[in-house]
N, C-alpha and C. Protein backbone atom coordinates (compact mmCIF):
# COMPACT_ATOMS: atom_id res chain seq x y z
N UNK A 1 -69.24 22.73 -33.16
CA UNK A 1 -68.56 21.39 -33.37
C UNK A 1 -69.73 20.15 -33.42
N UNK A 2 -69.72 19.48 -34.95
CA UNK A 2 -70.60 18.38 -34.51
C UNK A 2 -69.45 16.94 -35.20
N UNK A 3 -70.56 16.09 -35.24
CA UNK A 3 -69.47 14.69 -35.19
C UNK A 3 -68.90 14.80 -36.78
N UNK A 4 -69.75 15.26 -37.89
CA UNK A 4 -69.38 15.78 -39.01
C UNK A 4 -67.75 16.22 -39.25
N UNK A 5 -67.57 17.43 -38.03
CA UNK A 5 -66.12 17.84 -38.27
C UNK A 5 -65.38 17.46 -37.24
N UNK A 6 -65.92 15.92 -36.49
CA UNK A 6 -64.98 15.37 -35.56
C UNK A 6 -63.50 15.68 -35.74
N UNK A 7 -62.67 16.01 -34.95
CA UNK A 7 -61.10 15.31 -34.65
C UNK A 7 -60.83 14.15 -35.39
N UNK A 8 -61.51 13.15 -35.51
CA UNK A 8 -61.29 11.70 -35.84
C UNK A 8 -63.15 10.92 -35.83
N UNK A 9 -63.34 10.82 -36.98
CA UNK A 9 -64.78 9.91 -37.37
C UNK A 9 -64.32 8.93 -38.01
N UNK A 10 -64.41 7.49 -37.61
CA UNK A 10 -64.70 6.25 -38.06
C UNK A 10 -65.88 5.73 -37.51
N UNK A 11 -66.11 4.09 -38.55
CA UNK A 11 -67.18 3.40 -38.38
C UNK A 11 -66.84 3.05 -36.74
N UNK A 12 -65.63 2.82 -36.27
CA UNK A 12 -65.16 2.64 -34.84
C UNK A 12 -65.54 3.71 -33.88
N UNK A 13 -65.35 4.86 -33.89
CA UNK A 13 -65.87 5.83 -32.96
C UNK A 13 -65.52 6.98 -33.55
N UNK A 14 -66.04 7.90 -32.72
CA UNK A 14 -66.25 9.89 -33.24
C UNK A 14 -65.56 10.09 -32.25
N UNK A 15 -64.23 10.65 -32.25
CA UNK A 15 -63.42 11.42 -31.27
C UNK A 15 -64.10 13.12 -31.34
N UNK A 16 -63.68 13.80 -30.93
CA UNK A 16 -63.73 15.27 -30.46
C UNK A 16 -62.91 15.76 -29.82
N UNK A 17 -62.17 17.12 -30.33
CA UNK A 17 -60.79 17.39 -29.28
C UNK A 17 -61.34 18.82 -29.36
N UNK A 18 -61.44 19.22 -27.94
CA UNK A 18 -61.98 20.56 -27.62
C UNK A 18 -60.68 21.12 -26.91
N UNK A 19 -59.92 22.31 -27.51
CA UNK A 19 -58.83 23.10 -26.99
C UNK A 19 -59.60 24.18 -26.35
N UNK A 20 -58.97 23.91 -24.99
CA UNK A 20 -59.20 25.33 -24.05
C UNK A 20 -58.06 25.60 -23.08
N UNK A 21 -58.30 26.87 -22.58
CA UNK A 21 -57.49 27.47 -21.36
C UNK A 21 -55.72 27.77 -22.19
N UNK A 22 -55.55 28.89 -21.41
CA UNK A 22 -54.11 29.50 -21.76
C UNK A 22 -52.78 27.83 -22.11
N UNK A 23 -53.40 26.96 -21.01
CA UNK A 23 -52.12 25.80 -21.10
C UNK A 23 -52.52 24.68 -22.27
N UNK A 24 -53.39 25.15 -23.01
CA UNK A 24 -53.66 24.34 -24.44
C UNK A 24 -54.14 23.15 -24.05
N UNK A 25 -55.20 22.79 -23.05
CA UNK A 25 -55.99 21.84 -22.34
C UNK A 25 -56.30 21.05 -23.46
N UNK A 26 -56.70 19.67 -23.56
CA UNK A 26 -57.42 19.14 -24.63
C UNK A 26 -58.78 18.52 -23.82
N UNK A 27 -59.84 18.83 -23.81
CA UNK A 27 -60.93 17.78 -23.97
C UNK A 27 -61.42 16.99 -24.39
N UNK A 28 -61.83 15.75 -24.39
CA UNK A 28 -62.40 15.36 -25.02
C UNK A 28 -63.64 14.77 -25.26
N UNK A 29 -64.50 14.37 -26.97
CA UNK A 29 -65.57 13.80 -26.38
C UNK A 29 -65.48 12.66 -26.95
N UNK A 30 -65.67 11.24 -26.71
CA UNK A 30 -65.68 10.10 -27.30
C UNK A 30 -66.91 9.94 -27.71
N UNK A 31 -67.46 9.35 -28.69
CA UNK A 31 -68.77 9.49 -29.08
C UNK A 31 -69.26 8.23 -29.97
N UNK A 32 -70.07 7.11 -29.41
CA UNK A 32 -70.35 6.21 -30.70
C UNK A 32 -71.00 6.35 -31.86
N UNK A 33 -70.85 5.95 -32.98
CA UNK A 33 -71.51 6.26 -34.19
C UNK A 33 -72.94 6.20 -34.45
N UNK A 34 -73.03 4.72 -33.51
CA UNK A 34 -74.62 4.46 -33.96
C UNK A 34 -75.54 4.81 -33.00
N UNK A 35 -75.37 5.10 -32.07
CA UNK A 35 -76.09 5.43 -30.82
C UNK A 35 -75.79 6.86 -30.56
N UNK A 36 -74.55 7.43 -31.08
CA UNK A 36 -74.34 9.02 -30.09
C UNK A 36 -74.18 9.09 -28.59
N UNK A 37 -74.11 7.87 -27.80
CA UNK A 37 -74.01 8.23 -26.56
C UNK A 37 -72.49 8.20 -26.29
N UNK A 38 -72.25 9.70 -25.48
CA UNK A 38 -70.84 9.82 -25.35
C UNK A 38 -69.98 10.46 -24.24
N UNK A 39 -68.80 9.93 -23.89
CA UNK A 39 -68.24 10.13 -22.63
C UNK A 39 -67.55 11.63 -22.74
N UNK A 40 -67.40 12.82 -21.96
CA UNK A 40 -66.86 13.81 -21.87
C UNK A 40 -65.62 13.48 -21.16
N UNK A 41 -64.37 13.89 -21.54
CA UNK A 41 -63.10 13.80 -21.06
C UNK A 41 -62.25 14.85 -20.51
N UNK A 42 -62.37 15.16 -18.93
CA UNK A 42 -61.65 15.64 -18.26
C UNK A 42 -62.53 17.82 -18.70
N UNK A 43 -62.99 18.01 -17.40
CA UNK A 43 -63.40 19.19 -17.70
C UNK A 43 -62.47 20.17 -17.00
N UNK A 44 -61.46 20.72 -18.05
CA UNK A 44 -60.44 21.48 -18.04
C UNK A 44 -61.10 22.74 -17.73
N UNK A 45 -61.19 23.69 -18.57
CA UNK A 45 -61.63 25.29 -18.39
C UNK A 45 -62.67 25.60 -19.75
N UNK A 46 -63.25 26.85 -19.64
CA UNK A 46 -64.47 27.27 -20.35
C UNK A 46 -65.35 26.22 -20.89
N UNK A 47 -66.32 26.31 -19.71
CA UNK A 47 -67.40 25.13 -19.97
C UNK A 47 -68.49 25.64 -20.74
N UNK A 48 -68.47 26.65 -21.19
CA UNK A 48 -69.47 26.95 -22.68
C UNK A 48 -68.74 26.64 -23.71
N UNK A 49 -67.32 27.01 -24.00
CA UNK A 49 -66.82 26.14 -25.28
C UNK A 49 -66.83 24.70 -24.86
N UNK A 50 -66.87 23.90 -23.91
CA UNK A 50 -67.12 22.53 -24.01
C UNK A 50 -68.23 22.06 -24.56
N UNK A 51 -69.31 23.03 -23.78
CA UNK A 51 -70.68 22.56 -24.39
C UNK A 51 -70.81 22.64 -25.16
N UNK A 52 -70.32 23.52 -26.20
CA UNK A 52 -70.88 24.07 -27.62
C UNK A 52 -69.98 22.90 -28.29
N UNK A 53 -68.91 22.39 -28.22
CA UNK A 53 -68.20 21.07 -28.58
C UNK A 53 -69.07 19.61 -28.53
N UNK A 54 -69.37 19.73 -27.43
CA UNK A 54 -70.16 18.40 -26.68
C UNK A 54 -71.58 18.20 -27.81
N UNK A 55 -72.40 19.63 -28.00
CA UNK A 55 -73.32 19.31 -29.01
C UNK A 55 -73.49 18.25 -29.46
N UNK A 56 -74.77 18.06 -29.37
CA UNK A 56 -75.44 16.78 -30.42
C UNK A 56 -74.90 14.95 -29.70
N UNK A 57 -74.31 15.54 -28.75
CA UNK A 57 -73.86 14.15 -28.22
C UNK A 57 -74.38 13.66 -27.00
N UNK A 58 -74.79 12.47 -26.83
CA UNK A 58 -75.69 12.24 -25.46
C UNK A 58 -74.84 11.89 -24.78
N UNK A 59 -73.93 12.78 -23.67
CA UNK A 59 -73.24 12.62 -23.08
C UNK A 59 -73.57 12.07 -21.47
N UNK A 60 -73.19 10.67 -21.35
CA UNK A 60 -73.47 9.93 -20.60
C UNK A 60 -72.73 10.27 -18.79
N UNK A 61 -71.36 10.52 -19.45
CA UNK A 61 -70.47 10.79 -17.75
C UNK A 61 -69.49 11.61 -18.16
N UNK A 62 -68.91 12.13 -17.44
CA UNK A 62 -67.65 12.98 -17.30
C UNK A 62 -66.76 12.10 -16.68
N UNK A 63 -65.79 11.80 -17.38
CA UNK A 63 -64.11 10.68 -16.92
C UNK A 63 -63.35 11.83 -17.00
N UNK A 64 -62.63 11.43 -15.92
CA UNK A 64 -61.45 12.75 -15.65
C UNK A 64 -60.19 11.78 -15.53
N UNK A 65 -58.85 11.86 -16.39
CA UNK A 65 -57.94 11.17 -16.29
C UNK A 65 -56.76 11.35 -15.45
N UNK A 66 -57.13 12.76 -14.57
CA UNK A 66 -56.67 12.95 -12.94
C UNK A 66 -56.92 14.28 -12.52
N UNK A 67 -56.43 14.58 -11.25
CA UNK A 67 -57.20 15.57 -10.54
C UNK A 67 -56.29 17.01 -10.65
N UNK A 68 -55.33 17.18 -11.55
CA UNK A 68 -54.69 18.39 -11.02
C UNK A 68 -55.49 19.72 -11.40
N UNK A 69 -54.95 20.64 -10.83
CA UNK A 69 -56.12 21.61 -11.13
C UNK A 69 -56.35 22.11 -12.68
N UNK A 70 -55.39 22.06 -13.24
CA UNK A 70 -55.88 22.29 -14.64
C UNK A 70 -56.58 21.86 -15.59
N UNK A 71 -57.18 20.47 -15.21
CA UNK A 71 -58.05 19.62 -15.36
C UNK A 71 -59.34 19.48 -14.94
N UNK A 72 -59.61 20.46 -13.96
CA UNK A 72 -61.03 20.46 -13.37
C UNK A 72 -61.63 21.55 -13.29
N UNK A 73 -61.15 22.60 -13.70
CA UNK A 73 -61.52 23.95 -13.33
C UNK A 73 -62.70 24.06 -13.72
N UNK A 74 -63.68 23.34 -14.99
CA UNK A 74 -65.15 23.43 -15.08
C UNK A 74 -65.71 22.34 -14.75
N UNK A 75 -65.34 21.32 -14.01
CA UNK A 75 -66.04 20.14 -13.55
C UNK A 75 -67.08 20.30 -13.23
N UNK A 76 -67.04 21.18 -11.80
CA UNK A 76 -68.23 21.16 -11.40
C UNK A 76 -69.60 22.22 -12.12
N UNK A 77 -68.96 23.13 -13.14
CA UNK A 77 -70.08 23.36 -13.59
C UNK A 77 -70.69 22.52 -14.74
N UNK A 78 -70.10 21.73 -15.42
CA UNK A 78 -70.03 20.61 -16.26
C UNK A 78 -71.04 19.80 -15.65
N UNK A 79 -71.01 18.98 -14.70
CA UNK A 79 -71.70 18.39 -14.09
C UNK A 79 -73.08 18.69 -13.87
N UNK A 80 -72.86 20.11 -13.46
CA UNK A 80 -74.22 20.63 -12.85
C UNK A 80 -74.90 20.95 -14.48
N UNK A 81 -74.61 21.45 -15.38
CA UNK A 81 -75.25 21.80 -16.87
C UNK A 81 -75.33 20.54 -17.53
N UNK A 82 -74.65 19.50 -17.42
CA UNK A 82 -74.91 18.70 -18.02
C UNK A 82 -75.56 17.03 -17.11
N UNK A 83 -75.62 17.57 -16.15
CA UNK A 83 -76.78 16.64 -15.08
C UNK A 83 -76.27 15.00 -15.11
N UNK A 84 -74.76 14.54 -15.27
CA UNK A 84 -74.35 13.42 -15.37
C UNK A 84 -73.33 13.33 -14.48
N UNK A 85 -72.70 11.80 -14.35
CA UNK A 85 -71.97 11.26 -13.09
C UNK A 85 -70.65 11.82 -13.55
N UNK A 86 -69.69 11.84 -12.46
CA UNK A 86 -68.16 11.91 -12.75
C UNK A 86 -67.78 10.99 -12.54
N UNK A 87 -66.57 9.85 -13.45
CA UNK A 87 -66.03 9.04 -12.91
C UNK A 87 -64.62 9.43 -13.22
N UNK A 88 -64.01 8.79 -12.11
CA UNK A 88 -62.47 9.19 -11.75
C UNK A 88 -61.59 8.14 -10.56
N UNK A 89 -60.43 7.58 -10.60
CA UNK A 89 -59.38 7.45 -10.11
C UNK A 89 -59.86 7.83 -8.56
N UNK A 90 -60.00 6.93 -7.68
CA UNK A 90 -59.98 7.44 -6.33
C UNK A 90 -58.64 8.18 -5.88
N UNK A 91 -57.50 7.47 -6.56
CA UNK A 91 -55.91 8.54 -5.98
C UNK A 91 -55.91 9.89 -6.05
N UNK A 92 -56.59 10.32 -6.73
CA UNK A 92 -56.65 12.16 -6.57
C UNK A 92 -58.07 12.43 -5.81
N UNK A 93 -58.02 13.56 -5.73
CA UNK A 93 -58.76 14.61 -5.33
C UNK A 93 -59.01 15.04 -5.95
N UNK A 94 -60.71 15.46 -5.88
CA UNK A 94 -61.22 16.55 -6.78
C UNK A 94 -62.35 17.52 -6.37
N UNK A 95 -62.82 18.46 -6.92
CA UNK A 95 -63.77 19.75 -6.32
C UNK A 95 -65.02 19.11 -6.26
N UNK A 96 -65.53 18.04 -7.04
CA UNK A 96 -66.70 17.55 -6.91
C UNK A 96 -66.79 16.13 -6.62
N UNK A 97 -68.26 15.46 -6.17
CA UNK A 97 -68.66 14.45 -5.57
C UNK A 97 -68.40 13.14 -6.64
N UNK A 98 -67.29 12.19 -6.56
CA UNK A 98 -66.87 11.25 -7.68
C UNK A 98 -68.23 9.99 -7.32
N UNK A 99 -68.98 9.84 -8.02
CA UNK A 99 -70.09 8.93 -8.32
C UNK A 99 -69.51 7.80 -8.59
N UNK A 100 -68.54 7.11 -9.43
CA UNK A 100 -67.98 6.12 -9.81
C UNK A 100 -66.46 6.29 -9.58
N UNK A 101 -65.65 5.41 -8.65
CA UNK A 101 -64.51 4.82 -8.70
C UNK A 101 -63.96 4.46 -9.31
N UNK A 102 -63.21 4.28 -10.70
CA UNK A 102 -62.55 3.77 -11.64
C UNK A 102 -60.99 2.71 -10.88
N UNK A 103 -61.03 1.91 -11.65
CA UNK A 103 -59.90 0.92 -11.16
C UNK A 103 -59.34 0.48 -12.80
N UNK A 104 -57.82 -0.33 -12.32
CA UNK A 104 -57.29 -0.79 -13.45
C UNK A 104 -58.18 -1.56 -14.38
N UNK A 105 -58.36 -1.77 -15.53
CA UNK A 105 -58.95 -3.03 -16.18
C UNK A 105 -60.27 -2.72 -16.24
N UNK A 106 -61.14 -1.36 -15.82
CA UNK A 106 -62.51 -1.43 -15.56
C UNK A 106 -62.96 -1.26 -17.07
N UNK A 107 -64.20 -1.76 -17.78
CA UNK A 107 -64.69 -1.66 -18.97
C UNK A 107 -65.88 -1.01 -18.76
N UNK A 108 -65.67 0.33 -19.62
CA UNK A 108 -67.22 1.39 -19.35
C UNK A 108 -67.85 1.06 -20.78
N UNK A 109 -69.33 0.54 -20.91
CA UNK A 109 -70.01 0.80 -21.80
C UNK A 109 -70.67 1.98 -22.57
N UNK A 110 -70.17 2.19 -23.66
CA UNK A 110 -70.58 3.35 -24.23
C UNK A 110 -71.14 2.82 -25.46
N UNK A 111 -72.36 3.44 -25.29
CA UNK A 111 -73.39 2.39 -26.80
C UNK A 111 -73.33 1.18 -27.46
N UNK A 112 -72.79 1.15 -28.13
CA UNK A 112 -72.18 -0.07 -28.75
C UNK A 112 -71.22 -0.65 -28.55
N UNK A 113 -70.27 0.42 -28.13
CA UNK A 113 -68.78 0.57 -28.11
C UNK A 113 -68.02 0.21 -26.39
N UNK A 114 -67.01 -0.17 -25.85
CA UNK A 114 -66.36 0.00 -24.94
C UNK A 114 -64.86 0.48 -24.47
N UNK A 115 -65.20 1.20 -23.39
CA UNK A 115 -63.71 2.09 -23.32
C UNK A 115 -63.26 1.11 -21.91
N UNK A 116 -61.97 0.87 -22.29
CA UNK A 116 -61.42 -0.07 -20.79
C UNK A 116 -60.31 1.38 -20.00
N UNK A 117 -60.66 1.40 -19.12
CA UNK A 117 -59.34 1.96 -17.89
C UNK A 117 -58.47 1.37 -18.10
N UNK A 118 -57.09 2.09 -18.02
CA UNK A 118 -55.50 1.99 -17.57
C UNK A 118 -55.31 3.23 -16.11
N UNK A 119 -54.70 2.28 -15.72
CA UNK A 119 -54.02 3.28 -14.42
C UNK A 119 -52.70 3.36 -14.36
N UNK A 120 -52.41 4.68 -15.04
CA UNK A 120 -50.75 5.04 -15.21
C UNK A 120 -50.34 6.10 -14.28
N UNK A 121 -50.43 5.53 -12.81
CA UNK A 121 -50.00 6.21 -11.98
C UNK A 121 -48.31 6.90 -12.25
N UNK A 122 -47.91 7.90 -11.91
CA UNK A 122 -46.75 8.70 -11.57
C UNK A 122 -46.86 10.28 -11.81
N UNK A 123 -47.69 10.91 -13.00
CA UNK A 123 -47.81 11.92 -13.20
C UNK A 123 -48.92 12.53 -11.56
N UNK A 124 -49.81 11.94 -11.44
CA UNK A 124 -50.34 11.61 -10.10
C UNK A 124 -50.73 10.69 -9.71
N UNK A 125 -50.93 10.11 -8.32
CA UNK A 125 -51.26 8.89 -8.09
C UNK A 125 -52.70 8.02 -8.42
N UNK A 126 -53.68 9.00 -9.53
CA UNK A 126 -54.78 8.34 -9.48
C UNK A 126 -55.10 8.67 -11.25
N UNK A 127 -53.64 9.26 -12.01
CA UNK A 127 -53.88 8.72 -13.18
C UNK A 127 -54.30 8.06 -14.10
N UNK A 128 -55.39 8.16 -14.91
CA UNK A 128 -55.26 6.88 -15.90
C UNK A 128 -55.29 7.38 -17.48
N UNK A 129 -55.33 6.28 -18.42
CA UNK A 129 -55.87 6.61 -19.61
C UNK A 129 -57.02 5.88 -19.90
N UNK A 130 -57.97 5.87 -21.08
CA UNK A 130 -58.59 5.67 -21.56
C UNK A 130 -58.76 4.67 -23.01
N UNK A 131 -59.12 3.52 -23.30
CA UNK A 131 -58.52 2.97 -24.55
C UNK A 131 -60.03 2.62 -25.26
N UNK A 132 -60.59 3.32 -26.23
CA UNK A 132 -61.48 2.29 -27.15
C UNK A 132 -60.94 1.88 -28.62
N UNK A 133 -60.59 0.76 -28.96
CA UNK A 133 -60.27 0.29 -29.97
C UNK A 133 -58.80 0.64 -30.06
N UNK A 134 -58.61 1.36 -31.34
CA UNK A 134 -57.37 1.76 -31.50
C UNK A 134 -56.49 3.69 -30.95
N UNK A 135 -57.75 3.88 -30.13
CA UNK A 135 -57.62 5.44 -29.90
C UNK A 135 -57.46 5.37 -28.33
N UNK A 136 -56.18 6.01 -27.92
CA UNK A 136 -55.77 6.25 -26.59
C UNK A 136 -55.93 7.25 -25.87
N UNK A 137 -56.84 7.96 -25.17
CA UNK A 137 -56.93 9.06 -23.92
C UNK A 137 -55.91 9.45 -22.92
N UNK A 138 -54.61 9.74 -23.13
CA UNK A 138 -53.69 9.81 -22.77
C UNK A 138 -53.39 10.30 -21.67
N UNK A 139 -54.38 11.45 -21.50
CA UNK A 139 -54.20 12.32 -19.98
C UNK A 139 -53.00 13.36 -20.04
N UNK A 140 -52.41 13.33 -19.13
CA UNK A 140 -51.01 13.53 -19.07
C UNK A 140 -49.77 12.63 -18.21
N UNK A 141 -50.19 11.82 -19.04
CA UNK A 141 -49.47 9.83 -18.83
C UNK A 141 -48.42 10.49 -19.99
N UNK A 142 -48.98 10.63 -21.03
CA UNK A 142 -47.84 10.33 -22.49
C UNK A 142 -48.23 11.47 -23.34
N UNK A 143 -46.97 12.18 -23.61
CA UNK A 143 -47.13 13.33 -24.61
C UNK A 143 -46.00 12.75 -25.94
N UNK A 144 -46.36 13.74 -27.25
CA UNK A 144 -44.93 13.33 -28.07
C UNK A 144 -43.69 13.39 -27.52
N UNK A 145 -42.78 12.79 -27.47
CA UNK A 145 -41.44 12.98 -26.78
C UNK A 145 -41.23 12.63 -25.70
N UNK A 146 -42.56 11.98 -24.73
CA UNK A 146 -41.67 11.75 -23.34
C UNK A 146 -43.34 11.86 -22.38
N UNK A 147 -43.40 11.47 -21.45
CA UNK A 147 -43.83 10.98 -19.89
C UNK A 147 -44.63 12.24 -19.53
N UNK A 148 -45.35 12.55 -19.22
CA UNK A 148 -46.00 13.80 -17.64
C UNK A 148 -44.81 13.88 -17.11
N UNK A 149 -44.69 15.00 -16.29
CA UNK A 149 -44.19 15.21 -15.41
C UNK A 149 -44.42 14.44 -14.10
N UNK A 150 -43.01 14.23 -13.73
CA UNK A 150 -43.05 13.75 -12.18
C UNK A 150 -42.56 14.52 -11.49
N UNK A 151 -42.08 15.83 -11.41
CA UNK A 151 -41.61 16.62 -10.38
C UNK A 151 -40.50 16.13 -9.93
N UNK A 152 -39.42 15.44 -10.64
CA UNK A 152 -37.67 15.50 -9.98
C UNK A 152 -38.60 14.23 -8.78
N UNK A 153 -39.13 13.58 -8.85
CA UNK A 153 -39.80 12.55 -7.86
C UNK A 153 -39.22 11.09 -8.63
N UNK A 154 -38.49 10.51 -8.23
CA UNK A 154 -37.87 9.51 -8.74
C UNK A 154 -39.05 8.19 -8.85
N UNK A 155 -39.18 7.77 -7.61
CA UNK A 155 -40.56 6.86 -7.61
C UNK A 155 -41.87 7.41 -8.88
N UNK A 156 -41.83 8.23 -8.79
CA UNK A 156 -43.17 9.07 -9.15
C UNK A 156 -42.84 8.52 -10.89
N UNK A 157 -41.48 8.84 -11.47
CA UNK A 157 -40.80 8.74 -12.62
C UNK A 157 -40.97 7.07 -12.93
N UNK A 158 -40.21 5.83 -12.38
CA UNK A 158 -40.36 4.97 -12.03
C UNK A 158 -42.13 4.10 -12.89
N UNK A 159 -42.57 4.86 -11.64
CA UNK A 159 -43.99 4.48 -11.84
C UNK A 159 -44.48 5.10 -13.35
N UNK A 160 -44.38 6.21 -13.68
CA UNK A 160 -45.11 6.42 -14.72
C UNK A 160 -44.11 5.83 -16.49
N UNK A 161 -42.97 5.77 -16.02
CA UNK A 161 -41.98 4.67 -17.08
C UNK A 161 -42.58 3.30 -17.39
N UNK A 162 -42.91 2.81 -15.82
CA UNK A 162 -43.73 1.49 -15.66
C UNK A 162 -45.09 1.32 -16.59
N UNK A 163 -45.62 1.89 -16.24
CA UNK A 163 -47.10 2.14 -16.75
C UNK A 163 -46.77 2.25 -18.22
N UNK A 164 -46.21 3.62 -18.64
CA UNK A 164 -46.26 3.32 -20.03
C UNK A 164 -45.22 2.27 -20.48
N UNK A 165 -44.72 1.47 -20.32
CA UNK A 165 -43.84 0.20 -21.19
C UNK A 165 -44.70 -0.67 -20.77
N UNK A 166 -45.31 -1.11 -19.72
CA UNK A 166 -45.97 -1.98 -19.53
C UNK A 166 -47.66 -2.20 -20.04
N UNK A 167 -48.53 -1.09 -19.76
CA UNK A 167 -49.70 -1.31 -20.45
C UNK A 167 -49.77 -0.23 -22.11
N UNK A 168 -49.28 0.72 -22.17
CA UNK A 168 -49.37 1.58 -22.85
C UNK A 168 -48.45 0.78 -24.79
N UNK A 169 -47.12 0.97 -24.45
CA UNK A 169 -46.21 0.32 -25.22
C UNK A 169 -46.36 -1.46 -25.83
N UNK A 170 -47.20 -2.09 -25.01
CA UNK A 170 -48.31 -2.99 -25.58
C UNK A 170 -48.93 -2.84 -26.56
N UNK A 171 -49.32 -1.97 -26.83
CA UNK A 171 -50.89 -1.64 -27.88
C UNK A 171 -50.11 -1.57 -28.93
N UNK A 172 -50.83 -1.59 -29.96
CA UNK A 172 -50.42 -1.76 -31.37
C UNK A 172 -49.81 -0.19 -32.16
N UNK A 173 -48.87 -0.07 -32.81
CA UNK A 173 -48.59 0.94 -32.91
C UNK A 173 -49.32 1.73 -34.02
N UNK A 174 -50.02 1.42 -34.07
CA UNK A 174 -50.94 2.49 -35.16
C UNK A 174 -51.94 2.90 -34.01
N UNK A 175 -51.56 2.76 -32.92
CA UNK A 175 -52.78 3.24 -31.86
C UNK A 175 -52.64 4.68 -31.59
N UNK A 176 -53.81 5.63 -31.95
CA UNK A 176 -53.54 6.74 -31.75
C UNK A 176 -53.80 7.31 -30.79
N UNK A 177 -52.62 8.15 -30.14
CA UNK A 177 -52.37 8.68 -28.44
C UNK A 177 -53.17 10.29 -28.33
N UNK A 178 -54.21 10.50 -27.91
CA UNK A 178 -54.50 11.65 -27.57
C UNK A 178 -54.13 12.38 -26.33
N UNK A 179 -53.46 13.23 -26.14
CA UNK A 179 -52.94 13.83 -24.36
C UNK A 179 -53.78 14.81 -24.28
N UNK A 180 -53.40 15.16 -22.91
CA UNK A 180 -53.91 16.36 -22.44
C UNK A 180 -53.74 17.84 -22.80
N UNK A 181 -52.68 17.85 -23.35
CA UNK A 181 -52.15 19.32 -24.11
C UNK A 181 -51.32 18.61 -25.15
N UNK A 182 -51.86 19.63 -26.21
CA UNK A 182 -51.05 19.74 -27.79
C UNK A 182 -51.67 18.58 -28.57
N UNK A 183 -50.63 18.45 -29.17
CA UNK A 183 -50.96 17.53 -30.34
C UNK A 183 -50.80 16.52 -30.48
N UNK A 184 -51.07 15.12 -31.36
CA UNK A 184 -52.08 13.92 -30.93
C UNK A 184 -50.26 13.07 -31.26
N UNK A 185 -50.55 12.09 -31.16
CA UNK A 185 -49.09 11.37 -31.85
C UNK A 185 -49.55 9.64 -31.73
N UNK A 186 -48.65 8.81 -31.71
CA UNK A 186 -49.12 7.23 -32.08
C UNK A 186 -48.20 6.33 -30.96
N UNK A 187 -48.64 5.06 -30.60
CA UNK A 187 -47.65 4.06 -29.85
C UNK A 187 -46.64 4.07 -30.65
N UNK A 188 -46.59 3.96 -32.03
CA UNK A 188 -45.41 3.43 -32.84
C UNK A 188 -44.20 4.61 -32.63
N UNK A 189 -44.95 5.82 -32.64
CA UNK A 189 -44.28 7.09 -32.82
C UNK A 189 -43.10 7.57 -31.44
N UNK A 190 -43.41 6.91 -30.43
CA UNK A 190 -43.15 7.14 -29.20
C UNK A 190 -42.67 5.87 -28.72
N UNK A 191 -42.53 4.88 -28.81
CA UNK A 191 -42.27 3.69 -28.12
C UNK A 191 -40.60 3.38 -28.62
N UNK A 192 -39.90 4.15 -29.71
CA UNK A 192 -38.58 3.50 -29.68
C UNK A 192 -37.85 4.99 -28.99
N UNK A 193 -38.38 5.98 -28.08
CA UNK A 193 -37.79 6.82 -27.71
C UNK A 193 -37.69 6.57 -25.96
N UNK A 194 -38.58 5.21 -25.68
CA UNK A 194 -38.59 4.86 -24.28
C UNK A 194 -36.90 4.80 -23.45
N UNK A 195 -35.89 4.06 -23.78
CA UNK A 195 -35.04 4.16 -23.35
C UNK A 195 -33.98 5.35 -23.16
N UNK A 196 -33.96 6.15 -24.09
CA UNK A 196 -33.82 7.65 -24.09
C UNK A 196 -34.48 8.65 -22.72
N UNK A 197 -36.00 8.25 -22.20
CA UNK A 197 -36.48 8.64 -21.48
C UNK A 197 -35.94 8.15 -20.42
N UNK A 198 -35.19 7.14 -20.25
CA UNK A 198 -35.06 6.19 -18.48
C UNK A 198 -34.25 6.71 -18.56
N UNK A 199 -32.71 7.07 -19.80
CA UNK A 199 -31.59 7.55 -19.18
C UNK A 199 -31.53 9.11 -19.05
N UNK A 200 -32.40 9.68 -19.41
CA UNK A 200 -32.67 11.23 -19.28
C UNK A 200 -33.13 11.50 -17.53
N UNK A 201 -33.82 10.66 -17.32
CA UNK A 201 -34.57 10.54 -16.15
C UNK A 201 -35.83 11.33 -16.09
N UNK A 202 -36.81 11.48 -17.21
CA UNK A 202 -37.98 12.78 -17.11
C UNK A 202 -38.60 12.63 -18.23
């Protein structure tokens, strides 16, 4: 995969989407179109597939949306092969040393672009999303049709709903949402369903 056949390519950003594993995990590469500096997001499975998908990008760091096992299986191998730091929120545990702890509101330089960290706990305590312009990597926080699972934990459900309502649904409706599994969506497509999610409790 190259920037020419990226999932999204614009003057604002290049987004590569790499599907790996039996759970349809999505690994993303966010790439500055001018400098080709890039962040790789989530070391899920199949390091060879991920390395191939990131070919040509200057990966500067691996960013983790959260620490669930299906999002970290390739992390150790990718960190070794790419020889880059790993950034993650300290609320979750990881199989490698975290080189930079992320916090809500952090702004990460990416070539001539910036990526903002949004802490969105609920699916996990350390769950985060990454926003650049009108592109949101939502991890397992927001999917088409609802929030990520909270395992019948009412407090966790309230946390994830609050994060979605206050941090994600305040974004423009045309913001593209790239989740940790499956198909893309937009903020505008999901926002009208918020009350339904609250009512059903998941």
